[in-house]
Each structure stands twice: as structure tokens, then as C-alpha cells.
Amino acid sequence: MGMTKDQLLAIKDETLKKQPASWIRVGYSTCGVAAGAKEVYEVLCEEIKARNLTLEIKKCGCVGLCSAEPLVEVNVEGAPRVFYGKVNKEIAHKIMDEHVSQKKLVDGHIYDI
């Protein structure tokens, strides 16, 4: 017999409780890496370390919008969760300066996925 809806919701709630409050995910599939995700990931890691943040950063797979790679998903407390597309080193710095530090969205690179 399968799980009930309530059991599944309880599992979901427990999983969400274990996730950090703030995190960044970089699309690191083949299309993302080909578009520059490696460099973007490195910039974000350097910025997190330089700012002494407890922000978790992870590589993730494709979300199906290859034309917008490199994609960066940002979730920080006090700001909306956002997907940024066509991120380069300069935009990665802006994401850290504006979205992460000031809770302001970086216009011109937000994607609705």
C-alpha cells in the first residue's frame, strides 16, 4: 500500500526544515558549463568566502531552459526566491552585492521558470 497524502506532506515538511534558510544553486549541467557556469560558480564561491557568509552554494542539474544558461537560483531570507539567467562574472558580483547583501533584485536577468 502507498503512502497517504498526510504522510507525504509530513516528509516534505521534515525535509524543508533541514534545508538552510539561504542558498544559491548554479546550473551545472553540460549546457550550463558550456555557457560559463564554472566561472560563475567560482565567483560566487569567492564572494561568499570574502564576505564570510554562511550561505550554502550548490551545483545542480538542468532545469530545461538551456538558452538562458548559466542559470543561478537565489534564495535568501528577506528577499524573493529568483532564477537569474545568462549570468556572467559581472552579474554574479551584482547578485552578491544587490540580491544577497541588499535584498534588491537584479533587473534584466530574472527568469520565470
N, C-alpha and C. Protein backbone atom coordinates (compact mmCIF):
# COMPACT_ATOMS: atom_id res chain seq x y z
N MET A 1 0.84 -1.18 0.00
CA MET A 1 0.00 0.00 0.00
C MET A 1 0.89 1.25 0.00
N GLY A 2 0.49 2.27 -0.72
CA GLY A 2 1.25 3.51 -0.83
C GLY A 2 1.08 4.40 0.38
N MET A 3 1.76 5.52 0.32
CA MET A 3 1.69 6.49 1.42
C MET A 3 0.48 7.39 1.25
N THR A 4 0.00 7.87 2.37
CA THR A 4 -1.13 8.80 2.32
C THR A 4 -0.60 10.20 2.03
N LYS A 5 -1.52 11.06 1.67
CA LYS A 5 -1.15 12.45 1.41
C LYS A 5 -0.55 13.09 2.65
N ASP A 6 -1.12 12.82 3.82
CA ASP A 6 -0.60 13.38 5.07
C ASP A 6 0.82 12.89 5.36
N GLN A 7 1.10 11.62 5.08
CA GLN A 7 2.45 11.10 5.28
C GLN A 7 3.46 11.79 4.36
N LEU A 8 3.06 11.98 3.11
CA LEU A 8 3.94 12.66 2.15
C LEU A 8 4.18 14.11 2.55
N LEU A 9 3.15 14.79 3.01
CA LEU A 9 3.30 16.17 3.46
C LEU A 9 4.21 16.26 4.69
N ALA A 10 4.11 15.29 5.58
CA ALA A 10 4.97 15.26 6.76
C ALA A 10 6.43 15.08 6.35
N ILE A 11 6.69 14.23 5.37
CA ILE A 11 8.06 14.03 4.87
C ILE A 11 8.57 15.32 4.24
N LYS A 12 7.72 15.98 3.46
CA LYS A 12 8.10 17.24 2.83
C LYS A 12 8.45 18.28 3.89
N ASP A 13 7.62 18.41 4.92
CA ASP A 13 7.86 19.38 5.98
C ASP A 13 9.18 19.11 6.69
N GLU A 14 9.47 17.86 6.98
CA GLU A 14 10.73 17.50 7.65
C GLU A 14 11.93 17.82 6.77
N THR A 15 11.81 17.56 5.47
CA THR A 15 12.89 17.85 4.53
C THR A 15 13.16 19.34 4.46
N LEU A 16 12.10 20.14 4.38
CA LEU A 16 12.25 21.59 4.31
C LEU A 16 12.87 22.16 5.57
N LYS A 17 12.59 21.57 6.74
CA LYS A 17 13.17 22.04 8.00
C LYS A 17 14.68 21.85 8.01
N LYS A 18 15.18 20.85 7.28
CA LYS A 18 16.60 20.54 7.27
C LYS A 18 17.38 21.40 6.29
N GLN A 19 16.70 22.07 5.39
CA GLN A 19 17.38 22.91 4.40
C GLN A 19 17.81 24.22 5.03
N PRO A 20 18.97 24.73 4.60
CA PRO A 20 19.39 26.04 5.11
C PRO A 20 18.43 27.13 4.67
N ALA A 21 18.36 28.20 5.44
CA ALA A 21 17.44 29.29 5.14
C ALA A 21 17.83 30.04 3.87
N SER A 22 19.13 30.14 3.62
CA SER A 22 19.62 30.89 2.46
C SER A 22 20.58 30.03 1.65
N TRP A 23 20.41 30.05 0.34
CA TRP A 23 21.26 29.24 -0.52
C TRP A 23 21.28 29.78 -1.95
N ILE A 24 22.28 29.31 -2.70
CA ILE A 24 22.40 29.62 -4.12
C ILE A 24 22.65 28.31 -4.84
N ARG A 25 22.00 28.13 -5.98
CA ARG A 25 22.24 26.96 -6.83
C ARG A 25 22.65 27.45 -8.22
N VAL A 26 23.68 26.83 -8.74
CA VAL A 26 24.18 27.18 -10.07
C VAL A 26 23.92 26.00 -10.99
N GLY A 27 23.26 26.25 -12.13
CA GLY A 27 23.02 25.21 -13.12
C GLY A 27 24.34 24.73 -13.69
N TYR A 28 24.66 23.46 -13.42
CA TYR A 28 25.98 22.94 -13.76
C TYR A 28 25.87 21.73 -14.69
N SER A 29 24.82 21.70 -15.48
CA SER A 29 24.71 20.63 -16.47
C SER A 29 25.62 20.98 -17.65
N THR A 30 25.65 20.14 -18.65
CA THR A 30 26.54 20.36 -19.79
C THR A 30 26.30 21.72 -20.44
N CYS A 31 25.03 22.07 -20.61
CA CYS A 31 24.73 23.36 -21.25
C CYS A 31 25.16 24.53 -20.37
N GLY A 32 25.01 24.40 -19.06
CA GLY A 32 25.43 25.45 -18.15
C GLY A 32 26.94 25.64 -18.14
N VAL A 33 27.67 24.53 -18.08
CA VAL A 33 29.13 24.60 -18.08
C VAL A 33 29.62 25.20 -19.39
N ALA A 34 29.02 24.78 -20.50
CA ALA A 34 29.42 25.32 -21.81
C ALA A 34 29.18 26.82 -21.91
N ALA A 35 28.17 27.31 -21.19
CA ALA A 35 27.83 28.73 -21.23
C ALA A 35 28.60 29.57 -20.21
N GLY A 36 29.40 28.92 -19.34
CA GLY A 36 30.20 29.68 -18.39
C GLY A 36 29.88 29.48 -16.92
N ALA A 37 29.13 28.43 -16.59
CA ALA A 37 28.72 28.20 -15.20
C ALA A 37 29.91 27.99 -14.26
N LYS A 38 30.98 27.39 -14.77
CA LYS A 38 32.15 27.14 -13.92
C LYS A 38 32.71 28.46 -13.38
N GLU A 39 32.87 29.43 -14.24
CA GLU A 39 33.40 30.72 -13.83
C GLU A 39 32.44 31.44 -12.88
N VAL A 40 31.14 31.36 -13.18
CA VAL A 40 30.13 31.99 -12.32
C VAL A 40 30.15 31.35 -10.93
N TYR A 41 30.20 30.03 -10.88
CA TYR A 41 30.25 29.30 -9.61
C TYR A 41 31.48 29.73 -8.81
N GLU A 42 32.63 29.83 -9.45
CA GLU A 42 33.86 30.23 -8.77
C GLU A 42 33.75 31.64 -8.20
N VAL A 43 33.18 32.57 -8.97
CA VAL A 43 33.00 33.94 -8.48
C VAL A 43 32.09 33.95 -7.26
N LEU A 44 30.98 33.23 -7.32
CA LEU A 44 30.05 33.20 -6.20
C LEU A 44 30.71 32.60 -4.96
N CYS A 45 31.47 31.52 -5.14
CA CYS A 45 32.19 30.90 -4.00
C CYS A 45 33.18 31.89 -3.39
N GLU A 46 33.93 32.59 -4.23
CA GLU A 46 34.90 33.59 -3.75
C GLU A 46 34.20 34.70 -2.97
N GLU A 47 33.06 35.16 -3.50
CA GLU A 47 32.31 36.24 -2.84
C GLU A 47 31.77 35.79 -1.49
N ILE A 48 31.25 34.58 -1.43
CA ILE A 48 30.72 34.05 -0.17
C ILE A 48 31.83 33.97 0.87
N LYS A 49 32.98 33.48 0.45
CA LYS A 49 34.12 33.36 1.36
C LYS A 49 34.63 34.74 1.78
N ALA A 50 34.77 35.66 0.84
CA ALA A 50 35.28 37.00 1.13
C ALA A 50 34.36 37.77 2.08
N ARG A 51 33.07 37.52 1.96
CA ARG A 51 32.08 38.21 2.80
C ARG A 51 31.79 37.45 4.10
N ASN A 52 32.42 36.29 4.25
CA ASN A 52 32.25 35.45 5.44
C ASN A 52 30.78 35.12 5.68
N LEU A 53 30.09 34.72 4.61
CA LEU A 53 28.67 34.39 4.70
C LEU A 53 28.47 32.91 4.99
N THR A 54 27.38 32.58 5.65
CA THR A 54 27.02 31.19 5.89
C THR A 54 26.01 30.71 4.85
N LEU A 55 26.12 31.24 3.69
CA LEU A 55 25.23 30.95 2.58
C LEU A 55 25.70 29.66 1.89
N GLU A 56 24.79 28.71 1.73
CA GLU A 56 25.15 27.45 1.07
C GLU A 56 25.10 27.64 -0.45
N ILE A 57 26.10 27.10 -1.15
CA ILE A 57 26.11 27.15 -2.60
C ILE A 57 26.26 25.73 -3.12
N LYS A 58 25.45 25.41 -4.14
CA LYS A 58 25.47 24.06 -4.70
C LYS A 58 25.40 24.13 -6.22
N LYS A 59 25.90 23.08 -6.83
CA LYS A 59 25.74 22.87 -8.27
C LYS A 59 24.48 22.02 -8.44
N CYS A 60 23.72 22.30 -9.50
CA CYS A 60 22.53 21.50 -9.76
C CYS A 60 22.44 21.20 -11.25
N GLY A 61 21.52 20.34 -11.60
CA GLY A 61 21.35 19.94 -12.99
C GLY A 61 20.49 20.91 -13.77
N CYS A 62 20.14 20.48 -14.95
CA CYS A 62 19.37 21.30 -15.90
C CYS A 62 17.94 21.49 -15.42
N VAL A 63 17.41 22.69 -15.62
CA VAL A 63 16.01 22.96 -15.32
C VAL A 63 15.20 23.13 -16.60
N GLY A 64 15.85 22.90 -17.75
CA GLY A 64 15.14 22.90 -19.01
C GLY A 64 15.15 24.21 -19.79
N LEU A 65 15.93 25.16 -19.36
CA LEU A 65 15.97 26.44 -20.07
C LEU A 65 17.41 26.70 -20.52
N CYS A 66 17.87 25.82 -21.39
CA CYS A 66 19.28 25.85 -21.83
C CYS A 66 19.68 27.18 -22.47
N SER A 67 18.76 27.82 -23.13
CA SER A 67 19.08 29.08 -23.80
C SER A 67 19.38 30.21 -22.83
N ALA A 68 19.02 30.04 -21.55
CA ALA A 68 19.26 31.08 -20.55
C ALA A 68 20.46 30.78 -19.66
N GLU A 69 21.18 29.71 -19.93
CA GLU A 69 22.35 29.35 -19.11
C GLU A 69 23.44 30.40 -19.24
N PRO A 70 24.25 30.54 -18.22
CA PRO A 70 24.19 29.92 -16.92
C PRO A 70 23.03 30.47 -16.08
N LEU A 71 22.32 29.54 -15.45
CA LEU A 71 21.22 29.89 -14.55
C LEU A 71 21.70 29.84 -13.11
N VAL A 72 21.26 30.80 -12.33
CA VAL A 72 21.59 30.86 -10.91
C VAL A 72 20.28 31.09 -10.15
N GLU A 73 19.98 30.18 -9.23
CA GLU A 73 18.79 30.33 -8.39
C GLU A 73 19.24 30.84 -7.03
N VAL A 74 18.60 31.90 -6.56
CA VAL A 74 19.00 32.53 -5.30
C VAL A 74 17.81 32.55 -4.35
N ASN A 75 18.05 32.05 -3.14
CA ASN A 75 17.04 32.08 -2.09
C ASN A 75 17.69 32.59 -0.82
N VAL A 76 17.44 33.84 -0.48
CA VAL A 76 17.97 34.42 0.76
C VAL A 76 16.81 34.97 1.58
N GLU A 77 16.95 34.85 2.89
CA GLU A 77 15.91 35.35 3.78
C GLU A 77 15.72 36.85 3.55
N GLY A 78 14.46 37.28 3.50
CA GLY A 78 14.16 38.69 3.34
C GLY A 78 14.03 39.15 1.90
N ALA A 79 14.18 38.21 0.94
CA ALA A 79 14.07 38.55 -0.48
C ALA A 79 13.37 37.40 -1.20
N PRO A 80 12.74 37.68 -2.34
CA PRO A 80 12.08 36.60 -3.08
C PRO A 80 13.09 35.61 -3.65
N ARG A 81 12.66 34.37 -3.80
CA ARG A 81 13.46 33.34 -4.47
C ARG A 81 13.41 33.60 -5.97
N VAL A 82 14.59 33.67 -6.62
CA VAL A 82 14.65 34.12 -8.01
C VAL A 82 15.61 33.25 -8.82
N PHE A 83 15.25 33.03 -10.10
CA PHE A 83 16.15 32.45 -11.08
C PHE A 83 16.73 33.60 -11.91
N TYR A 84 18.05 33.65 -11.98
CA TYR A 84 18.72 34.60 -12.85
C TYR A 84 19.30 33.83 -14.03
N GLY A 85 19.14 34.38 -15.23
CA GLY A 85 19.66 33.72 -16.42
C GLY A 85 20.70 34.56 -17.12
N LYS A 86 21.47 33.87 -17.97
CA LYS A 86 22.56 34.49 -18.72
C LYS A 86 23.51 35.23 -17.78
N VAL A 87 23.83 34.55 -16.69
CA VAL A 87 24.70 35.14 -15.67
C VAL A 87 26.16 34.99 -16.09
N ASN A 88 26.89 36.09 -16.00
CA ASN A 88 28.33 36.07 -16.23
C ASN A 88 29.00 36.53 -14.94
N LYS A 89 30.31 36.71 -14.98
CA LYS A 89 31.03 37.11 -13.77
C LYS A 89 30.51 38.43 -13.21
N GLU A 90 30.27 39.40 -14.10
CA GLU A 90 29.79 40.71 -13.66
C GLU A 90 28.43 40.60 -12.97
N ILE A 91 27.52 39.83 -13.56
CA ILE A 91 26.19 39.67 -12.98
C ILE A 91 26.28 38.89 -11.66
N ALA A 92 27.19 37.92 -11.58
CA ALA A 92 27.39 37.18 -10.33
C ALA A 92 27.79 38.13 -9.20
N HIS A 93 28.68 39.08 -9.50
CA HIS A 93 29.05 40.08 -8.49
C HIS A 93 27.85 40.94 -8.11
N LYS A 94 27.04 41.32 -9.11
CA LYS A 94 25.83 42.13 -8.83
C LYS A 94 24.85 41.36 -7.97
N ILE A 95 24.70 40.06 -8.24
CA ILE A 95 23.79 39.24 -7.43
C ILE A 95 24.22 39.27 -5.97
N MET A 96 25.52 39.14 -5.75
CA MET A 96 26.03 39.17 -4.37
C MET A 96 25.87 40.55 -3.75
N ASP A 97 26.18 41.61 -4.51
CA ASP A 97 26.08 42.97 -3.99
C ASP A 97 24.64 43.40 -3.73
N GLU A 98 23.77 43.09 -4.67
CA GLU A 98 22.40 43.60 -4.60
C GLU A 98 21.41 42.61 -3.97
N HIS A 99 21.30 41.42 -4.53
CA HIS A 99 20.29 40.48 -4.04
C HIS A 99 20.66 39.93 -2.67
N VAL A 100 21.87 39.39 -2.54
CA VAL A 100 22.26 38.76 -1.28
C VAL A 100 22.47 39.80 -0.18
N SER A 101 23.21 40.85 -0.47
CA SER A 101 23.57 41.83 0.57
C SER A 101 22.48 42.85 0.86
N GLN A 102 21.81 43.35 -0.20
CA GLN A 102 20.84 44.43 -0.02
C GLN A 102 19.39 43.99 -0.17
N LYS A 103 19.17 42.73 -0.52
CA LYS A 103 17.81 42.18 -0.72
C LYS A 103 17.07 42.89 -1.85
N LYS A 104 17.85 43.39 -2.85
CA LYS A 104 17.28 44.03 -4.04
C LYS A 104 17.48 43.09 -5.22
N LEU A 105 16.48 42.99 -6.08
CA LEU A 105 16.58 42.12 -7.25
C LEU A 105 17.45 42.76 -8.32
N VAL A 106 18.14 41.93 -9.08
CA VAL A 106 18.99 42.38 -10.17
C VAL A 106 18.15 42.38 -11.45
N ASP A 107 17.73 43.55 -11.87
CA ASP A 107 16.87 43.68 -13.05
C ASP A 107 17.59 43.23 -14.32
N GLY A 108 16.80 42.75 -15.26
CA GLY A 108 17.33 42.39 -16.57
C GLY A 108 17.82 40.96 -16.71
N HIS A 109 17.86 40.21 -15.61
CA HIS A 109 18.35 38.84 -15.68
C HIS A 109 17.42 37.86 -14.97
N ILE A 110 16.24 38.29 -14.58
CA ILE A 110 15.29 37.42 -13.87
C ILE A 110 14.50 36.60 -14.88
N TYR A 111 14.43 35.30 -14.62
CA TYR A 111 13.68 34.37 -15.47
C TYR A 111 12.57 33.72 -14.66
N ASP A 112 11.43 33.52 -15.29
CA ASP A 112 10.29 32.85 -14.67
C ASP A 112 10.30 31.40 -15.12
N ILE A 113 10.65 30.53 -14.23
CA ILE A 113 10.75 29.10 -14.59
C ILE A 113 9.65 28.32 -13.91
